C-alpha atoms as a PDB file:
ATOM      1  CA  MET A   1      -0.236   0.227   0.211  1.00  0.00           C
ATOM      2  CA  ASP A   2       1.400   3.344  -1.092  1.00  0.00           C
ATOM      3  CA  ASN A   3       1.567   5.421   2.832  1.00  0.00           C
ATOM      4  CA  ASP A   4       3.031   8.348   1.058  1.00  0.00           C
ATOM      5  CA  ASP A   5       0.228  10.646   1.716  1.00  0.00           C
ATOM      6  CA  ARG A   6       0.114  10.156   5.172  1.00  0.00           C
ATOM      7  CA  PRO A   7       1.356  12.622   6.778  1.00  0.00           C
ATOM      8  CA  ILE A   8       3.421  13.675   9.868  1.00  0.00           C
ATOM      9  CA  GLY A   9       1.059  16.501  11.065  1.00  0.00           C
ATOM     10  CA  ARG A  10      -2.744  16.011  11.689  1.00  0.00           C
ATOM     11  CA  LEU A  11      -5.425  17.629  13.130  1.00  0.00           C
ATOM     12  CA  LEU A  12      -5.292  17.937  16.826  1.00  0.00           C
ATOM     13  CA  THR A  13      -7.818  16.505  19.508  1.00  0.00           C
ATOM     14  CA  ARG A  14      -8.413  19.527  21.713  1.00  0.00           C
ATOM     15  CA  ARG A  15      -6.261  18.389  24.448  1.00  0.00           C
ATOM     16  CA  GLU A  16      -3.333  18.182  22.158  1.00  0.00           C
ATOM     17  CA  ALA A  17      -4.168  21.412  20.649  1.00  0.00           C
ATOM     18  CA  LEU A  18      -4.387  22.877  23.964  1.00  0.00           C
ATOM     19  CA  ALA A  19      -1.134  21.427  24.775  1.00  0.00           C
ATOM     20  CA  LEU A  20       0.619  23.031  21.289  1.00  0.00           C
ATOM     21  CA  LEU A  21      -0.592  26.335  22.661  1.00  0.00           C
ATOM     22  CA  GLY A  22       0.201  26.249  26.070  1.00  0.00           C
ATOM     23  CA  ALA A  23      -0.363  29.808  28.225  1.00  0.00           C
ATOM     24  CA  GLY A  24      -2.463  30.685  25.387  1.00  0.00           C
ATOM     25  CA  GLY A  25      -4.665  27.843  25.035  1.00  0.00           C
ATOM     26  CA  ALA A  26      -7.401  29.143  26.254  1.00  0.00           C
ATOM     27  CA  ALA A  27      -7.528  31.105  23.210  1.00  0.00           C
ATOM     28  CA  LEU A  28      -7.825  28.176  20.921  1.00  0.00           C
ATOM     29  CA  ALA A  29     -11.273  26.021  20.906  1.00  0.00           C
ATOM     30  CA  CYS A  30     -12.129  23.038  18.429  1.00  0.00           C
ATOM     31  CA  GLY A  31     -15.050  24.436  18.052  1.00  0.00           C
ATOM     32  CA  GLY A  32     -16.838  25.385  14.847  1.00  0.00           C
ATOM     33  CA  LEU A  33     -14.845  26.870  11.545  1.00  0.00           C
ATOM     34  CA  ARG A  34     -16.498  30.527  11.909  1.00  0.00           C
ATOM     35  CA  ALA A  35     -15.343  32.789  14.687  1.00  0.00           C
ATOM     36  CA  HIS A  36     -12.086  34.572  14.498  1.00  0.00           C
ATOM     37  CA  ALA A  37      -8.202  32.782  13.700  1.00  0.00           C
ATOM     38  CA  ALA A  38      -6.522  36.156  14.627  1.00  0.00           C
ATOM     39  CA  ASP A  39      -7.440  35.160  18.485  1.00  0.00           C
ATOM     40  CA  ALA A  40      -5.447  31.725  18.491  1.00  0.00           C
ATOM     41  CA  LYS A  41      -1.887  32.649  19.906  1.00  0.00           C
ATOM     42  CA  PRO A  42      -0.128  29.136  18.489  1.00  0.00           C
ATOM     43  CA  GLU A  43       2.983  27.925  20.447  1.00  0.00           C
ATOM     44  CA  LEU A  44       5.573  25.978  18.816  1.00  0.00           C
ATOM     45  CA  LYS A  45       6.683  23.026  20.683  1.00  0.00           C
ATOM     46  CA  SER A  46      10.666  22.852  21.362  1.00  0.00           C
ATOM     47  CA  ALA A  47      12.026  20.347  17.986  1.00  0.00           C
ATOM     48  CA  CYS A  48      14.923  22.076  16.281  1.00  0.00           C
ATOM     49  CA  ILE A  49      14.898  19.612  13.664  1.00  0.00           C
ATOM     50  CA  VAL A  50      16.480  20.740   9.913  1.00  0.00           C
ATOM     51  CA  LYS A  51      13.827  20.370   7.240  1.00  0.00           C
ATOM     52  CA  PRO A  52      14.045  19.275   3.760  1.00  0.00           C
ATOM     53  CA  GLU A  53      14.531  21.896   1.554  1.00  0.00           C
ATOM     54  CA  GLN A  54      12.305  22.470  -1.603  1.00  0.00           C
ATOM     55  CA  THR A  55      12.434  24.197  -4.850  1.00  0.00           C
ATOM     56  CA  GLU A  56      11.211  27.999  -4.851  1.00  0.00           C
ATOM     57  CA  GLY A  57       9.164  27.207  -7.310  1.00  0.00           C
ATOM     58  CA  PRO A  58       8.396  30.416 -10.319  1.00  0.00           C
ATOM     59  CA  TYR A  59       5.877  32.544  -8.325  1.00  0.00           C
ATOM     60  CA  PHE A  60       8.295  34.245  -5.663  1.00  0.00           C
ATOM     61  CA  MET A  61       8.565  37.665  -6.035  1.00  0.00           C
ATOM     62  CA  GLU A  62      10.690  40.535  -4.004  1.00  0.00           C
ATOM     63  CA  ALA A  63       7.027  41.816  -2.515  1.00  0.00           C
ATOM     64  CA  LYS A  64       8.811  44.122   0.483  1.00  0.00           C
ATOM     65  CA  LEU A  65       5.277  43.403   2.255  1.00  0.00           C
ATOM     66  CA  ASN A  66       6.324  43.344   5.905  1.00  0.00           C
ATOM     67  CA  ARG A  67       3.612  42.506   6.932  1.00  0.00           C
ATOM     68  CA  SER A  68       1.560  39.716   9.430  1.00  0.00           C
ATOM     69  CA  ASP A  69      -1.750  40.026   8.214  1.00  0.00           C
ATOM     70  CA  ILE A  70      -0.797  38.740   4.143  1.00  0.00           C
ATOM     71  CA  ARG A  71      -4.432  38.322   3.026  1.00  0.00           C
ATOM     72  CA  THR A  72      -5.472  41.687   1.125  1.00  0.00           C
ATOM     73  CA  ASP A  73      -4.005  43.419  -1.344  1.00  0.00           C
ATOM     74  CA  PRO A  74      -2.253  46.695  -0.587  1.00  0.00           C
ATOM     75  CA  LEU A  75      -2.821  48.336  -3.734  1.00  0.00           C
ATOM     76  CA  ASP A  76      -6.949  48.366  -3.508  1.00  0.00           C
ATOM     77  CA  GLY A  77      -7.418  46.621   0.178  1.00  0.00           C
ATOM     78  CA  GLN A  78      -9.525  44.034  -1.044  1.00  0.00           C
ATOM     79  CA  ARG A  79      -9.389  40.771   1.119  1.00  0.00           C
ATOM     80  CA  ARG A  80      -9.116  37.255  -0.765  1.00  0.00           C
ATOM     81  CA  GLU A  81     -11.831  35.156   0.268  1.00  0.00           C
ATOM     82  CA  GLY A  82     -10.957  31.727   2.109  1.00  0.00           C
ATOM     83  CA  VAL A  83     -11.114  29.703   5.225  1.00  0.00           C
ATOM     84  CA  PRO A  84      -8.362  32.210   8.075  1.00  0.00           C
ATOM     85  CA  LEU A  85      -5.250  30.423   8.669  1.00  0.00           C
ATOM     86  CA  VAL A  86      -2.823  31.784  11.552  1.00  0.00           C
ATOM     87  CA  LEU A  87       0.818  30.386  10.830  1.00  0.00           C
ATOM     88  CA  ALA A  88       3.619  30.653  13.108  1.00  0.00           C
ATOM     89  CA  LEU A  89       6.675  29.539  12.830  1.00  0.00           C
ATOM     90  CA  ARG A  90       9.862  29.915  15.000  1.00  0.00           C
ATOM     91  CA  VAL A  91      13.516  29.697  13.429  1.00  0.00           C
ATOM     92  CA  THR A  92      16.518  28.498  14.947  1.00  0.00           C
ATOM     93  CA  THR A  93      19.866  27.336  14.285  1.00  0.00           C
ATOM     94  CA  VAL A  94      21.374  23.832  14.548  1.00  0.00           C
ATOM     95  CA  ALA A  95      24.879  22.952  15.982  1.00  0.00           C
ATOM     96  CA  ALA A  96      26.298  20.512  17.946  1.00  0.00           C
ATOM     97  CA  GLY A  97      22.896  19.158  19.268  1.00  0.00           C
ATOM     98  CA  SER A  98      21.167  21.835  20.422  1.00  0.00           C
ATOM     99  CA  CYS A  99      19.216  24.934  18.944  1.00  0.00           C
ATOM    100  CA  SER A 100      19.338  28.720  19.452  1.00  0.00           C
ATOM    101  CA  PRO A 101      16.442  31.188  18.206  1.00  0.00           C
ATOM    102  CA  ILE A 102      17.957  33.114  14.831  1.00  0.00           C
ATOM    103  CA  ALA A 103      16.368  36.417  15.968  1.00  0.00           C
ATOM    104  CA  GLY A 104      16.250  39.274  12.815  1.00  0.00           C
ATOM    105  CA  ALA A 105      15.908  35.993  10.430  1.00  0.00           C
ATOM    106  CA  VAL A 106      13.463  37.519   7.474  1.00  0.00           C
ATOM    107  CA  VAL A 107      10.970  35.025   6.664  1.00  0.00           C
ATOM    108  CA  ASP A 108       8.559  35.112   3.505  1.00  0.00           C
ATOM    109  CA  LEU A 109       5.833  33.430   3.120  1.00  0.00           C
ATOM    110  CA  TRP A 110       3.438  33.208  -0.788  1.00  0.00           C
ATOM    111  CA  GLN A 111       0.681  30.920  -1.974  1.00  0.00           C
ATOM    112  CA  CYS A 112      -2.322  30.648  -3.960  1.00  0.00           C
ATOM    113  CA  ASP A 113      -5.479  32.077  -3.277  1.00  0.00           C
ATOM    114  CA  ALA A 114      -9.210  30.113  -3.092  1.00  0.00           C
ATOM    115  CA  THR A 115      -9.527  29.669  -6.570  1.00  0.00           C
ATOM    116  CA  GLY A 116      -5.642  28.383  -7.107  1.00  0.00           C
ATOM    117  CA  ALA A 117      -4.301  31.629  -8.060  1.00  0.00           C
ATOM    118  CA  TYR A 118      -0.872  33.797  -7.188  1.00  0.00           C
ATOM    119  CA  SER A 119      -0.594  37.496  -7.129  1.00  0.00           C
ATOM    120  CA  ASP A 120       1.739  39.525  -9.594  1.00  0.00           C
ATOM    121  CA  VAL A 121       1.439  36.363 -12.260  1.00  0.00           C
ATOM    122  CA  ARG A 122       0.297  36.182 -15.818  1.00  0.00           C
ATOM    123  CA  ASP A 123      -0.837  32.667 -16.316  1.00  0.00           C
ATOM    124  CA  ALA A 124      -3.033  31.185 -19.089  1.00  0.00           C
ATOM    125  CA  ARG A 125      -5.541  30.747 -16.344  1.00  0.00           C
ATOM    126  CA  PHE A 126      -4.938  34.269 -14.577  1.00  0.00           C
ATOM    127  CA  ASN A 127      -3.715  37.275 -14.856  1.00  0.00           C
ATOM    128  CA  THR A 128      -2.759  39.210 -11.467  1.00  0.00           C
ATOM    129  CA  VAL A 129      -0.274  41.419 -12.824  1.00  0.00           C
ATOM    130  CA  GLY A 130       0.380  44.406 -10.339  1.00  0.00           C
ATOM    131  CA  LYS A 131      -1.465  42.145  -7.417  1.00  0.00           C
ATOM    132  CA  ARG A 132       0.270  41.565  -4.121  1.00  0.00           C
ATOM    133  CA  PHE A 133      -2.266  39.399  -2.390  1.00  0.00           C
ATOM    134  CA  LEU A 134      -1.223  36.743  -0.025  1.00  0.00           C
ATOM    135  CA  ARG A 135       2.657  37.962   0.092  1.00  0.00           C
ATOM    136  CA  GLY A 136       4.754  38.805   2.577  1.00  0.00           C
ATOM    137  CA  TYR A 137       7.470  38.883   4.982  1.00  0.00           C
ATOM    138  CA  GLN A 138       8.085  39.173   8.794  1.00  0.00           C
ATOM    139  CA  VAL A 139      11.406  39.707  10.728  1.00  0.00           C
ATOM    140  CA  ALA A 140      12.020  37.452  13.754  1.00  0.00           C
ATOM    141  CA  ASP A 141      11.793  38.201  17.290  1.00  0.00           C
ATOM    142  CA  GLY A 142      14.310  37.493  19.938  1.00  0.00           C
ATOM    143  CA  GLU A 143      12.812  34.361  19.999  1.00  0.00           C
ATOM    144  CA  GLY A 144      13.113  33.394  16.123  1.00  0.00           C
ATOM    145  CA  ARG A 145       9.497  33.823  15.947  1.00  0.00           C
ATOM    146  CA  VAL A 146       7.367  35.081  13.229  1.00  0.00           C
ATOM    147  CA  ARG A 147       3.425  35.171  12.775  1.00  0.00           C
ATOM    148  CA  PHE A 148       1.452  35.365   9.783  1.00  0.00           C
ATOM    149  CA  THR A 149      -2.568  35.375   9.169  1.00  0.00           C
ATOM    150  CA  THR A 150      -3.258  33.975   6.094  1.00  0.00           C
ATOM    151  CA  ILE A 151      -6.191  31.404   4.447  1.00  0.00           C
ATOM    152  CA  TYR A 152      -6.338  28.200   3.948  1.00  0.00           C
ATOM    153  CA  PRO A 153      -4.641  27.808   0.271  1.00  0.00           C
ATOM    154  CA  GLY A 154      -6.494  26.763  -2.708  1.00  0.00           C
ATOM    155  CA  SER A 155      -5.531  23.907  -5.591  1.00  0.00           C
ATOM    156  CA  TYR A 156      -2.883  24.923  -8.204  1.00  0.00           C
ATOM    157  CA  PRO A 157      -2.866  22.710 -11.053  1.00  0.00           C
ATOM    158  CA  GLY A 158      -0.508  19.863 -10.935  1.00  0.00           C
ATOM    159  CA  ARG A 159       0.321  20.461  -7.119  1.00  0.00           C
ATOM    160  CA  ALA A 160      -0.789  19.445  -3.884  1.00  0.00           C
ATOM    161  CA  VAL A 161      -2.659  22.263  -1.438  1.00  0.00           C
ATOM    162  CA  HIS A 162       0.691  23.834   0.055  1.00  0.00           C
ATOM    163  CA  ILE A 163       2.534  27.004   1.200  1.00  0.00           C
ATOM    164  CA  HIS A 164       5.973  28.510   0.087  1.00  0.00           C
ATOM    165  CA  PHE A 165       8.227  29.990   2.481  1.00  0.00           C
ATOM    166  CA  LYS A 166      11.774  31.730   2.407  1.00  0.00           C
ATOM    167  CA  VAL A 167      14.266  32.207   5.211  1.00  0.00           C
ATOM    168  CA  ARG A 168      17.493  34.130   4.812  1.00  0.00           C
ATOM    169  CA  VAL A 169      19.631  34.772   7.703  1.00  0.00           C
ATOM    170  CA  LYS A 170      22.881  37.144   7.292  1.00  0.00           C
ATOM    171  CA  SER A 171      25.986  36.496   9.450  1.00  0.00           C
ATOM    172  CA  ALA A 172      29.043  38.493   9.746  1.00  0.00           C
ATOM    173  CA  THR A 173      30.546  36.562   7.118  1.00  0.00           C
ATOM    174  CA  LYS A 174      27.871  34.913   4.964  1.00  0.00           C
ATOM    175  CA  ASN A 175      24.304  34.888   3.644  1.00  0.00           C
ATOM    176  CA  HIS A 176      21.995  31.880   4.611  1.00  0.00           C
ATOM    177  CA  GLU A 177      18.877  30.808   2.490  1.00  0.00           C
ATOM    178  CA  PHE A 178      16.766  27.913   2.990  1.00  0.00           C
ATOM    179  CA  VAL A 179      13.797  27.671   0.917  1.00  0.00           C
ATOM    180  CA  SER A 180      10.791  25.092   1.435  1.00  0.00           C
ATOM    181  CA  GLN A 181       7.043  24.365   1.289  1.00  0.00           C
ATOM    182  CA  LEU A 182       4.549  23.335   3.869  1.00  0.00           C
ATOM    183  CA  TYR A 183       1.864  21.085   3.006  1.00  0.00           C
ATOM    184  CA  PHE A 184      -1.649  20.302   5.138  1.00  0.00           C
ATOM    185  CA  ASP A 185      -3.268  16.421   5.686  1.00  0.00           C
ATOM    186  CA  ASP A 186      -5.945  15.584   2.866  1.00  0.00           C
ATOM    187  CA  ALA A 187      -8.647  14.495   4.772  1.00  0.00           C
ATOM    188  CA  LEU A 188      -8.696  17.934   6.388  1.00  0.00           C
ATOM    189  CA  THR A 189      -8.393  19.719   2.815  1.00  0.00           C
ATOM    190  CA  ASP A 190     -10.984  17.678   1.588  1.00  0.00           C
ATOM    191  CA  ARG A 191     -13.112  19.311   4.299  1.00  0.00           C
ATOM    192  CA  VAL A 192     -11.869  23.060   4.038  1.00  0.00           C
ATOM    193  CA  HIS A 193     -12.367  22.689  -0.006  1.00  0.00           C
ATOM    194  CA  ALA A 194     -15.864  21.399   0.202  1.00  0.00           C
ATOM    195  CA  GLN A 195     -17.041  24.732   1.303  1.00  0.00           C
ATOM    196  CA  PRO A 196     -17.166  27.949  -0.555  1.00  0.00           C
ATOM    197  CA  PRO A 197     -14.834  29.567  -2.520  1.00  0.00           C
ATOM    198  CA  TYR A 198     -13.046  26.300  -2.983  1.00  0.00           C
ATOM    199  CA  ALA A 199     -16.222  24.097  -3.781  1.00  0.00           C
ATOM    200  CA  GLY A 200     -16.865  23.441  -7.480  1.00  0.00           C
ATOM    201  CA  ARG A 201     -13.490  23.503  -8.371  1.00  0.00           C
ATOM    202  CA  GLY A 202     -12.738  20.159 -10.081  1.00  0.00           C
ATOM    203  CA  PRO A 203     -10.328  17.748  -8.749  1.00  0.00           C
ATOM    204  CA  ARG A 204      -7.162  18.463  -7.219  1.00  0.00           C
ATOM    205  CA  VAL A 205      -3.765  16.851  -6.899  1.00  0.00           C
ATOM    206  CA  ARG A 206      -3.445  15.133  -3.520  1.00  0.00           C
ATOM    207  CA  ASN A 207      -0.350  14.673  -1.497  1.00  0.00           C
ATOM    208  CA  SER A 208       0.760  11.052  -2.844  1.00  0.00           C
ATOM    209  CA  GLU A 209       0.609  12.318  -6.184  1.00  0.00           C
ATOM    210  CA  ASP A 210       2.810  15.290  -5.646  1.00  0.00           C
ATOM    211  CA  GLY A 211       6.600  14.641  -7.192  1.00  0.00           C
ATOM    212  CA  LEU A 212       7.650  17.147  -4.392  1.00  0.00           C
ATOM    213  CA  TYR A 213       5.378  15.856  -1.427  1.00  0.00           C
ATOM    214  CA  ARG A 214       7.276  12.645  -2.469  1.00  0.00           C
ATOM    215  CA  ARG A 215      10.501  14.011  -1.232  1.00  0.00           C
ATOM    216  CA  GLY A 216       9.961  15.347   1.867  1.00  0.00           C
ATOM    217  CA  GLY A 217       6.228  16.693   2.484  1.00  0.00           C
ATOM    218  CA  ARG A 218       5.366  13.838   5.126  1.00  0.00           C
ATOM    219  CA  GLU A 219       8.205  16.272   7.260  1.00  0.00           C
ATOM    220  CA  LEU A 220       6.897  19.521   5.868  1.00  0.00           C
ATOM    221  CA  THR A 221       2.934  18.162   6.713  1.00  0.00           C
ATOM    222  CA  LEU A 222       1.667  20.610   9.228  1.00  0.00           C
ATOM    223  CA  ALA A 223       0.027  19.470  12.585  1.00  0.00           C
ATOM    224  CA  VAL A 224      -3.207  21.799  12.373  1.00  0.00           C
ATOM    225  CA  ALA A 225      -5.633  23.013  14.903  1.00  0.00           C
ATOM    226  CA  GLU A 226      -9.207  24.547  15.042  1.00  0.00           C
ATOM    227  CA  ALA A 227      -9.470  27.805  16.066  1.00  0.00           C
ATOM    228  CA  LYS A 228     -12.542  29.981  17.131  1.00  0.00           C
ATOM    229  CA  GLU A 229     -12.514  30.602  13.204  1.00  0.00           C
ATOM    230  CA  GLY A 230     -10.776  28.756  10.459  1.00  0.00           C
ATOM    231  CA  TYR A 231      -7.634  26.972  11.535  1.00  0.00           C
ATOM    232  CA  ALA A 232      -3.545  27.730  13.323  1.00  0.00           C
ATOM    233  CA  ALA A 233      -0.539  26.282  12.958  1.00  0.00           C
ATOM    234  CA  ALA A 234       2.951  26.182  13.976  1.00  0.00           C
ATOM    235  CA  PHE A 235       5.756  24.978  12.599  1.00  0.00           C
ATOM    236  CA  ASP A 236       9.855  24.867  13.724  1.00  0.00           C
ATOM    237  CA  VAL A 237      12.488  25.568  10.680  1.00  0.00           C
ATOM    238  CA  GLY A 238      15.936  24.315  11.930  1.00  0.00           C
ATOM    239  CA  MET A 239      18.699  25.779   9.820  1.00  0.00           C
ATOM    240  CA  ARG A 240      22.556  24.982  10.383  1.00  0.00           C
ATOM    241  CA  LEU A 241      24.490  28.411   9.251  1.00  0.00           C
ATOM    242  CA  THR A 242      27.857  26.792   8.177  1.00  0.00           C
END
């Protein structure tokens, strides 16, 4: 049996979600899908493990948008429709069996919207040139943490559902860069994509059918918890700065 689509991450139980959030656990509830995801404050478990690097893809751009909420287009203020997702990342350096937070790391995030469209792209299916929705970066705080408010991604043709991220770190002697992608449990995506504005857009590529996912995707699959509106997830990014 092909188990390539079995994720390391999964939808958490209420007890596990509260443990993930720690002291902020009261802000996360495993209730309905329609409350306020921005209230969720995910805290990451300590797990500084270097994750697989994956391709940047064709749609990265230097949007130069330092912001936490990446759902809107800064030119017209229009917000992309979709189920809210709060994503917290922690960037650490891995050396000699221990890890330390990387303050000042620059973390870029970019993804498609609920219809599968990326911003500032001329594609056979869409033309979004000049738009800047679902793009942005954050600078890691003293604990190496960044936090984005986005939407659950839609389905892009030929790919499993995913989010791109890039981490850039400047040291005294060298600039370091790490690029990869984050994935979702297929069963959870089935639930999300069964509702508007995702529904009715045809079949999508599942994790086991995605060649990139088969090359390390299970280690990059998010553990997602239901928030008061939408979802929240947290992920550790370990880097070797050598």
